[in-house]
PDB file of N, CA and C in Angstrom:
ATOM      1  N   MET A   1     -33.210 -44.797  50.461  1.00  0.00           N
ATOM      2  CA  MET A   1     -32.161 -44.023  51.157  1.00  0.00           C
ATOM      3  C   MET A   1     -32.166 -44.344  52.699  1.00  0.00           C
ATOM      4  N   HIS A   2     -30.999 -44.341  53.209  1.00  0.00           N
ATOM      5  CA  HIS A   2     -30.643 -44.539  54.614  1.00  0.00           C
ATOM      6  C   HIS A   2     -30.789 -43.381  55.615  1.00  0.00           C
ATOM      7  N   ALA A   3     -31.378 -43.525  56.552  1.00  0.00           N
ATOM      8  CA  ALA A   3     -31.355 -42.298  57.452  1.00  0.00           C
ATOM      9  C   ALA A   3     -30.162 -42.230  58.316  1.00  0.00           C
ATOM     10  N   LEU A   4     -29.727 -41.108  58.472  1.00  0.00           N
ATOM     11  CA  LEU A   4     -28.309 -40.790  59.310  1.00  0.00           C
ATOM     12  C   LEU A   4     -28.632 -41.289  60.817  1.00  0.00           C
ATOM     13  N   PRO A   5     -27.679 -41.738  61.421  1.00  0.00           N
ATOM     14  CA  PRO A   5     -27.736 -42.234  62.805  1.00  0.00           C
ATOM     15  C   PRO A   5     -27.943 -40.917  63.708  1.00  0.00           C
ATOM     16  N   PRO A   6     -28.755 -40.877  64.873  1.00  0.00           N
ATOM     17  CA  PRO A   6     -28.927 -39.739  65.597  1.00  0.00           C
ATOM     18  C   PRO A   6     -27.616 -39.331  66.259  1.00  0.00           C
ATOM     19  N   LEU A   7     -27.085 -38.121  66.387  1.00  0.00           N
ATOM     20  CA  LEU A   7     -25.995 -37.323  66.838  1.00  0.00           C
ATOM     21  C   LEU A   7     -26.108 -37.242  68.230  1.00  0.00           C
ATOM     22  N   ASP A   8     -25.689 -38.294  69.142  1.00  0.00           N
ATOM     23  CA  ASP A   8     -25.929 -38.334  70.605  1.00  0.00           C
ATOM     24  C   ASP A   8     -24.424 -37.632  70.942  1.00  0.00           C
ATOM     25  N   ARG A   9     -24.203 -37.644  72.252  1.00  0.00           N
ATOM     26  CA  ARG A   9     -23.009 -37.024  72.838  1.00  0.00           C
ATOM     27  C   ARG A   9     -21.810 -37.893  72.600  1.00  0.00           C
ATOM     28  N   ARG A  10     -21.977 -39.275  72.762  1.00  0.00           N
ATOM     29  CA  ARG A  10     -20.866 -40.175  72.515  1.00  0.00           C
ATOM     30  C   ARG A  10     -20.451 -40.252  71.017  1.00  0.00           C
ATOM     31  N   ARG A  11     -21.381 -40.317  70.098  1.00  0.00           N
ATOM     32  CA  ARG A  11     -21.194 -40.112  68.510  1.00  0.00           C
ATOM     33  C   ARG A  11     -20.415 -38.793  68.286  1.00  0.00           C
ATOM     34  N   ALA A  12     -20.949 -37.830  68.777  1.00  0.00           N
ATOM     35  CA  ALA A  12     -20.223 -36.445  68.563  1.00  0.00           C
ATOM     36  C   ALA A  12     -18.829 -36.431  69.030  1.00  0.00           C
ATOM     37  N   ALA A  13     -18.482 -37.110  70.207  1.00  0.00           N
ATOM     38  CA  ALA A  13     -17.178 -37.066  70.616  1.00  0.00           C
ATOM     39  C   ALA A  13     -16.322 -37.823  69.863  1.00  0.00           C
ATOM     40  N   SER A  14     -16.829 -39.046  69.391  1.00  0.00           N
ATOM     41  CA  SER A  14     -16.048 -39.761  68.308  1.00  0.00           C
ATOM     42  C   SER A  14     -15.724 -39.103  67.085  1.00  0.00           C
ATOM     43  N   LEU A  15     -16.745 -38.313  66.644  1.00  0.00           N
ATOM     44  CA  LEU A  15     -16.450 -37.691  65.355  1.00  0.00           C
ATOM     45  C   LEU A  15     -15.879 -36.545  65.570  1.00  0.00           C
ATOM     46  N   PHE A  16     -15.847 -35.675  66.463  1.00  0.00           N
ATOM     47  CA  PHE A  16     -15.435 -34.409  66.423  1.00  0.00           C
ATOM     48  C   PHE A  16     -14.340 -34.228  67.638  1.00  0.00           C
ATOM     49  N   GLY A  17     -14.036 -35.238  68.272  1.00  0.00           N
ATOM     50  CA  GLY A  17     -13.071 -35.138  69.397  1.00  0.00           C
ATOM     51  C   GLY A  17     -11.744 -34.995  69.034  1.00  0.00           C
ATOM     52  N   ASP A  18     -11.283 -35.713  67.957  1.00  0.00           N
ATOM     53  CA  ASP A  18      -9.933 -35.673  67.664  1.00  0.00           C
ATOM     54  C   ASP A  18      -9.529 -34.288  66.746  1.00  0.00           C
ATOM     55  N   GLU A  19      -8.555 -33.699  67.501  1.00  0.00           N
ATOM     56  CA  GLU A  19      -8.019 -32.312  67.016  1.00  0.00           C
ATOM     57  C   GLU A  19      -6.618 -32.562  66.433  1.00  0.00           C
ATOM     58  N   THR A  20      -6.334 -33.769  65.879  1.00  0.00           N
ATOM     59  CA  THR A  20      -5.092 -33.879  65.220  1.00  0.00           C
ATOM     60  C   THR A  20      -4.925 -32.993  64.005  1.00  0.00           C
ATOM     61  N   GLY A  21      -3.926 -32.367  63.920  1.00  0.00           N
ATOM     62  CA  GLY A  21      -3.877 -31.417  62.698  1.00  0.00           C
ATOM     63  C   GLY A  21      -4.431 -29.989  62.803  1.00  0.00           C
ATOM     64  N   ALA A  22      -5.128 -29.722  63.947  1.00  0.00           N
ATOM     65  CA  ALA A  22      -5.650 -28.537  64.187  1.00  0.00           C
ATOM     66  C   ALA A  22      -4.547 -27.243  64.146  1.00  0.00           C
ATOM     67  N   ALA A  23      -3.517 -27.627  64.887  1.00  0.00           N
ATOM     68  CA  ALA A  23      -2.506 -26.681  65.219  1.00  0.00           C
ATOM     69  C   ALA A  23      -1.805 -26.268  63.895  1.00  0.00           C
ATOM     70  N   THR A  24      -1.611 -27.519  63.125  1.00  0.00           N
ATOM     71  CA  THR A  24      -1.017 -27.308  61.774  1.00  0.00           C
ATOM     72  C   THR A  24      -1.769 -26.324  60.840  1.00  0.00           C
ATOM     73  N   ALA A  25      -2.957 -26.634  60.932  1.00  0.00           N
ATOM     74  CA  ALA A  25      -4.116 -25.755  60.107  1.00  0.00           C
ATOM     75  C   ALA A  25      -3.882 -24.524  60.591  1.00  0.00           C
ATOM     76  N   GLU A  26      -3.787 -24.083  61.805  1.00  0.00           N
ATOM     77  CA  GLU A  26      -3.888 -22.592  62.239  1.00  0.00           C
ATOM     78  C   GLU A  26      -2.414 -22.110  61.916  1.00  0.00           C
ATOM     79  N   TYR A  27      -1.465 -22.849  61.993  1.00  0.00           N
ATOM     80  CA  TYR A  27      -0.259 -22.273  61.609  1.00  0.00           C
ATOM     81  C   TYR A  27      -0.173 -21.883  60.192  1.00  0.00           C
ATOM     82  N   ALA A  28      -0.703 -22.794  59.429  1.00  0.00           N
ATOM     83  CA  ALA A  28      -0.930 -22.536  57.935  1.00  0.00           C
ATOM     84  C   ALA A  28      -1.643 -21.296  57.481  1.00  0.00           C
ATOM     85  N   ILE A  29      -2.761 -21.147  58.192  1.00  0.00           N
ATOM     86  CA  ILE A  29      -3.640 -20.008  57.980  1.00  0.00           C
ATOM     87  C   ILE A  29      -2.936 -18.559  58.544  1.00  0.00           C
ATOM     88  N   THR A  30      -2.318 -18.799  59.589  1.00  0.00           N
ATOM     89  CA  THR A  30      -1.464 -17.613  59.862  1.00  0.00           C
ATOM     90  C   THR A  30      -0.404 -17.255  59.106  1.00  0.00           C
ATOM     91  N   THR A  31       0.467 -18.260  58.659  1.00  0.00           N
ATOM     92  CA  THR A  31       1.474 -17.879  57.646  1.00  0.00           C
ATOM     93  C   THR A  31       0.933 -17.207  56.396  1.00  0.00           C
ATOM     94  N   MET A  32      -0.368 -17.830  55.868  1.00  0.00           N
ATOM     95  CA  MET A  32      -0.651 -17.228  54.760  1.00  0.00           C
ATOM     96  C   MET A  32      -1.382 -15.761  54.954  1.00  0.00           C
ATOM     97  N   ALA A  33      -1.825 -15.438  56.118  1.00  0.00           N
ATOM     98  CA  ALA A  33      -2.150 -14.184  56.377  1.00  0.00           C
ATOM     99  C   ALA A  33      -1.001 -13.250  56.474  1.00  0.00           C
ATOM    100  N   ALA A  34       0.347 -13.713  57.263  1.00  0.00           N
ATOM    101  CA  ALA A  34       1.292 -12.919  57.241  1.00  0.00           C
ATOM    102  C   ALA A  34       2.044 -12.707  55.943  1.00  0.00           C
ATOM    103  N   VAL A  35       2.060 -13.690  55.001  1.00  0.00           N
ATOM    104  CA  VAL A  35       2.624 -13.551  53.602  1.00  0.00           C
ATOM    105  C   VAL A  35       1.737 -12.516  52.992  1.00  0.00           C
ATOM    106  N   ALA A  36       0.484 -12.413  52.959  1.00  0.00           N
ATOM    107  CA  ALA A  36      -0.422 -11.464  52.351  1.00  0.00           C
ATOM    108  C   ALA A  36      -0.144 -10.123  52.926  1.00  0.00           C
ATOM    109  N   PHE A  37       0.068  -9.956  54.184  1.00  0.00           N
ATOM    110  CA  PHE A  37       0.338  -8.685  54.864  1.00  0.00           C
ATOM    111  C   PHE A  37       1.768  -8.303  54.288  1.00  0.00           C
ATOM    112  N   ALA A  38       2.691  -9.069  54.230  1.00  0.00           N
ATOM    113  CA  ALA A  38       3.921  -8.566  53.711  1.00  0.00           C
ATOM    114  C   ALA A  38       3.940  -8.293  52.247  1.00  0.00           C
ATOM    115  N   GLY A  39       3.111  -8.864  51.484  1.00  0.00           N
ATOM    116  CA  GLY A  39       2.843  -8.619  50.166  1.00  0.00           C
ATOM    117  C   GLY A  39       2.334  -7.123  49.987  1.00  0.00           C
ATOM    118  N   LEU A  40       1.299  -6.768  50.893  1.00  0.00           N
ATOM    119  CA  LEU A  40       0.722  -5.587  50.863  1.00  0.00           C
ATOM    120  C   LEU A  40       1.792  -4.592  51.107  1.00  0.00           C
ATOM    121  N   LEU A  41       2.701  -4.611  52.231  1.00  0.00           N
ATOM    122  CA  LEU A  41       3.627  -3.754  52.737  1.00  0.00           C
ATOM    123  C   LEU A  41       4.582  -3.593  51.617  1.00  0.00           C
ATOM    124  N   VAL A  42       4.989  -4.489  50.660  1.00  0.00           N
ATOM    125  CA  VAL A  42       5.904  -4.379  49.661  1.00  0.00           C
ATOM    126  C   VAL A  42       5.395  -3.538  48.606  1.00  0.00           C
ATOM    127  N   VAL A  43       4.082  -3.548  48.268  1.00  0.00           N
ATOM    128  CA  VAL A  43       3.367  -2.722  47.392  1.00  0.00           C
ATOM    129  C   VAL A  43       3.349  -1.333  47.752  1.00  0.00           C
ATOM    130  N   ILE A  44       3.086  -1.153  49.126  1.00  0.00           N
ATOM    131  CA  ILE A  44       3.013   0.093  49.704  1.00  0.00           C
ATOM    132  C   ILE A  44       4.498   0.787  49.690  1.00  0.00           C
ATOM    133  N   MET A  45       5.325  -0.013  50.006  1.00  0.00           N
ATOM    134  CA  MET A  45       6.709   0.696  50.324  1.00  0.00           C
ATOM    135  C   MET A  45       7.424   0.878  48.970  1.00  0.00           C
ATOM    136  N   ARG A  46       6.936   0.328  47.831  1.00  0.00           N
ATOM    137  CA  ARG A  46       7.431   0.690  46.631  1.00  0.00           C
ATOM    138  C   ARG A  46       7.024   1.935  46.041  1.00  0.00           C
ATOM    139  N   SER A  47       5.879   2.533  46.686  1.00  0.00           N
ATOM    140  CA  SER A  47       5.302   3.793  46.065  1.00  0.00           C
ATOM    141  C   SER A  47       6.326   4.903  46.405  1.00  0.00           C
ATOM    142  N   ASP A  48       6.617   5.856  45.517  1.00  0.00           N
ATOM    143  CA  ASP A  48       7.549   6.931  45.708  1.00  0.00           C
ATOM    144  C   ASP A  48       7.162   7.863  46.769  1.00  0.00           C
ATOM    145  N   GLU A  49       5.640   8.050  46.837  1.00  0.00           N
ATOM    146  CA  GLU A  49       5.364   9.009  47.850  1.00  0.00           C
ATOM    147  C   GLU A  49       5.579   8.299  49.361  1.00  0.00           C
ATOM    148  N   VAL A  50       5.361   7.159  49.565  1.00  0.00           N
ATOM    149  CA  VAL A  50       5.703   6.523  50.715  1.00  0.00           C
ATOM    150  C   VAL A  50       7.096   6.550  50.945  1.00  0.00           C
ATOM    151  N   ARG A  51       7.993   6.264  50.172  1.00  0.00           N
ATOM    152  CA  ARG A  51       9.387   6.296  50.227  1.00  0.00           C
ATOM    153  C   ARG A  51       9.962   7.502  50.581  1.00  0.00           C
ATOM    154  N   GLY A  52       9.296   8.625  49.945  1.00  0.00           N
ATOM    155  CA  GLY A  52       9.686   9.825  50.325  1.00  0.00           C
ATOM    156  C   GLY A  52       9.323  10.286  51.824  1.00  0.00           C
ATOM    157  N   ILE A  53       8.241  10.006  52.182  1.00  0.00           N
ATOM    158  CA  ILE A  53       7.780  10.234  53.600  1.00  0.00           C
ATOM    159  C   ILE A  53       8.684   9.542  54.715  1.00  0.00           C
ATOM    160  N   LEU A  54       9.061   8.435  54.372  1.00  0.00           N
ATOM    161  CA  LEU A  54       9.992   7.478  55.190  1.00  0.00           C
ATOM    162  C   LEU A  54      11.335   8.137  55.278  1.00  0.00           C
ATOM    163  N   THR A  55      11.773   8.521  54.037  1.00  0.00           N
ATOM    164  CA  THR A  55      13.033   8.998  53.825  1.00  0.00           C
ATOM    165  C   THR A  55      13.143  10.406  54.785  1.00  0.00           C
ATOM    166  N   ASP A  56      12.276  11.269  54.663  1.00  0.00           N
ATOM    167  CA  ASP A  56      12.061  12.496  55.316  1.00  0.00           C
ATOM    168  C   ASP A  56      11.990  12.229  56.905  1.00  0.00           C
ATOM    169  N   LEU A  57      11.298  11.188  57.225  1.00  0.00           N
ATOM    170  CA  LEU A  57      11.110  10.925  58.477  1.00  0.00           C
ATOM    171  C   LEU A  57      12.406  10.600  59.244  1.00  0.00           C
ATOM    172  N   VAL A  58      13.227   9.704  58.503  1.00  0.00           N
ATOM    173  CA  VAL A  58      14.589   9.325  59.022  1.00  0.00           C
ATOM    174  C   VAL A  58      15.553  10.474  58.966  1.00  0.00           C
ATOM    175  N   ARG A  59      15.417  11.365  58.073  1.00  0.00           N
ATOM    176  CA  ARG A  59      16.465  12.485  57.999  1.00  0.00           C
ATOM    177  C   ARG A  59      16.101  13.314  59.232  1.00  0.00           C
ATOM    178  N   ARG A  60      14.714  13.727  59.482  1.00  0.00           N
ATOM    179  CA  ARG A  60      14.601  14.455  60.735  1.00  0.00           C
ATOM    180  C   ARG A  60      14.862  13.911  61.971  1.00  0.00           C
ATOM    181  N   ALA A  61      14.749  12.585  61.996  1.00  0.00           N
ATOM    182  CA  ALA A  61      15.255  11.777  63.338  1.00  0.00           C
ATOM    183  C   ALA A  61      16.679  11.958  63.418  1.00  0.00           C
ATOM    184  N   LEU A  62      17.518  11.983  62.302  1.00  0.00           N
ATOM    185  CA  LEU A  62      18.911  11.948  62.406  1.00  0.00           C
ATOM    186  C   LEU A  62      19.498  13.241  62.432  1.00  0.00           C
ATOM    187  N   THR A  63      18.780  14.456  62.312  1.00  0.00           N
ATOM    188  CA  THR A  63      19.185  15.760  62.154  1.00  0.00           C
ATOM    189  C   THR A  63      19.286  16.304  63.618  1.00  0.00           C
ATOM    190  N   VAL A  64      20.460  16.830  63.923  1.00  0.00           N
ATOM    191  CA  VAL A  64      20.873  17.390  65.326  1.00  0.00           C
ATOM    192  C   VAL A  64      20.468  19.015  65.021  1.00  0.00           C
ATOM    193  N   ALA A  65      19.489  19.491  65.706  1.00  0.00           N
ATOM    194  CA  ALA A  65      19.297  20.871  65.585  1.00  0.00           C
ATOM    195  C   ALA A  65      19.404  21.555  66.958  1.00  0.00           C
TER     196      ALA A  65
END
């Protein structure tokens, strides 16, 4: 078995210095989180109880008293 070469500053910079694609990966993770949150909101909004609360809230806001 071969031993791994020591990880000095120069070798670490050559291995981990390139951040190509890092922004793309961050956008992908953020997009997946947004889609998951939107899915959760869809499930919540389909609930009759939540729909009734929101409808009542809108009616109160539009009622002139």
